[in-house]
Amino acid sequence: MEITVEISMYPLREKFEPAIIELIQEVKAVKGVEVKVNPTATHLFGEYELVMNTLQTQIRGSFDKYGKVVFAIKVLNGNLKDSLEGKNL
């Protein structure tokens, strides 16, 4: 089953941008997870198990490395990549 995930990361620190950029780069490196970056959120597309395992690993790593971090996540059954193309989200 394919899913679409919208995720926003809010590191509770003054210099928050490096943590967000690192997360995006690490997720982009996972074969089978497609990533679309927007100004306020990042969309992930792929197989349920792969995307969720990737999120679990990256969220835990962010907590370990950066301490207090808030994640806002929406998960939808189905790959909406095609229907989101060209739209300013």
Protein backbone atom coordinates (compact mmCIF):
# COMPACT_ATOMS: atom_id res chain seq x y z
CA MET A 1 0.00 0.00 0.00
CA GLU A 2 1.32 3.43 -0.90
CA ILE A 3 0.95 6.47 1.32
CA THR A 4 1.46 10.21 1.28
CA VAL A 5 2.89 11.91 4.37
CA GLU A 6 3.03 15.63 5.06
CA ILE A 7 5.58 16.43 7.74
CA SER A 8 6.68 19.65 9.37
CA MET A 9 9.61 19.78 11.79
CA TYR A 10 10.00 22.43 14.49
CA PRO A 11 13.32 22.11 16.36
CA LEU A 12 12.99 24.08 19.59
CA ARG A 13 16.32 25.87 19.24
CA GLU A 14 17.56 29.19 17.94
CA LYS A 15 19.37 27.75 14.91
CA PHE A 16 16.62 25.47 13.63
CA GLU A 17 17.31 25.42 9.87
CA PRO A 18 20.30 23.00 9.86
CA ALA A 19 18.24 20.34 11.63
CA ILE A 20 15.43 20.62 9.06
CA ILE A 21 17.82 20.54 6.12
CA GLU A 22 19.58 17.49 7.55
CA LEU A 23 16.29 15.63 7.99
CA ILE A 24 15.23 16.36 4.41
CA GLN A 25 18.61 15.27 3.01
CA GLU A 26 18.56 12.03 4.96
CA VAL A 27 15.03 11.17 3.83
CA LYS A 28 15.91 12.02 0.22
CA ALA A 29 18.76 9.49 0.44
CA VAL A 30 16.32 6.63 1.14
CA LYS A 31 15.70 4.69 -2.06
CA GLY A 32 11.96 4.27 -2.64
CA VAL A 33 10.85 7.38 -0.76
CA GLU A 34 9.99 10.33 -3.00
CA VAL A 35 10.30 13.78 -1.42
CA LYS A 36 8.71 17.10 -2.37
CA VAL A 37 9.84 20.11 -0.31
CA ASN A 38 7.56 23.08 0.21
CA PRO A 39 8.04 26.25 2.31
CA THR A 40 6.05 24.98 5.30
CA ALA A 41 6.05 21.19 4.94
CA THR A 42 7.66 18.28 3.17
CA HIS A 43 5.68 15.57 1.39
CA LEU A 44 6.86 11.96 1.31
CA PHE A 45 5.48 9.34 -1.07
CA GLY A 46 6.10 5.60 -1.08
CA GLU A 47 5.28 2.21 0.33
CA TYR A 48 3.75 2.34 3.82
CA GLU A 49 6.36 0.25 5.63
CA LEU A 50 9.31 2.03 4.04
CA VAL A 51 8.00 5.55 4.66
CA MET A 52 6.91 4.83 8.23
CA ASN A 53 10.18 3.04 9.10
CA THR A 54 12.11 5.96 7.61
CA LEU A 55 10.10 8.43 9.69
CA GLN A 56 10.58 6.39 12.84
CA THR A 57 14.35 6.30 12.32
CA GLN A 58 14.66 9.98 11.43
CA ILE A 59 12.41 11.23 14.22
CA ARG A 60 14.32 9.21 16.82
CA GLY A 61 17.61 10.46 15.41
CA SER A 62 16.38 14.05 15.57
CA PHE A 63 15.34 13.65 19.21
CA ASP A 64 18.72 12.13 20.06
CA LYS A 65 20.71 14.79 18.21
CA TYR A 66 18.66 17.97 18.76
CA GLY A 67 16.68 17.35 21.94
CA LYS A 68 13.30 19.04 21.91
CA VAL A 69 11.75 18.81 18.45
CA VAL A 70 8.08 19.01 17.46
CA PHE A 71 6.83 17.07 14.42
CA ALA A 72 3.43 17.66 12.82
CA ILE A 73 2.57 14.70 10.59
CA LYS A 74 -0.41 13.91 8.36
CA VAL A 75 -0.68 10.43 6.84
CA LEU A 76 -2.96 9.61 3.93
CA ASN A 77 -3.65 6.24 2.33
CA GLY A 78 -2.59 6.49 -1.31
CA ASN A 79 0.11 8.22 -3.31
CA LEU A 80 -1.07 11.75 -4.12
CA LYS A 81 2.11 12.85 -5.87
CA ASP A 82 0.43 13.27 -9.24
CA SER A 83 -2.52 15.20 -7.86
CA LEU A 84 -0.20 17.54 -5.90
CA GLU A 85 2.13 18.28 -8.85
CA GLY A 86 2.08 21.90 -9.90
CA LYS A 87 0.09 23.05 -6.89
CA ASN A 88 1.56 25.52 -4.45
CA LEU A 89 1.05 23.75 -1.13
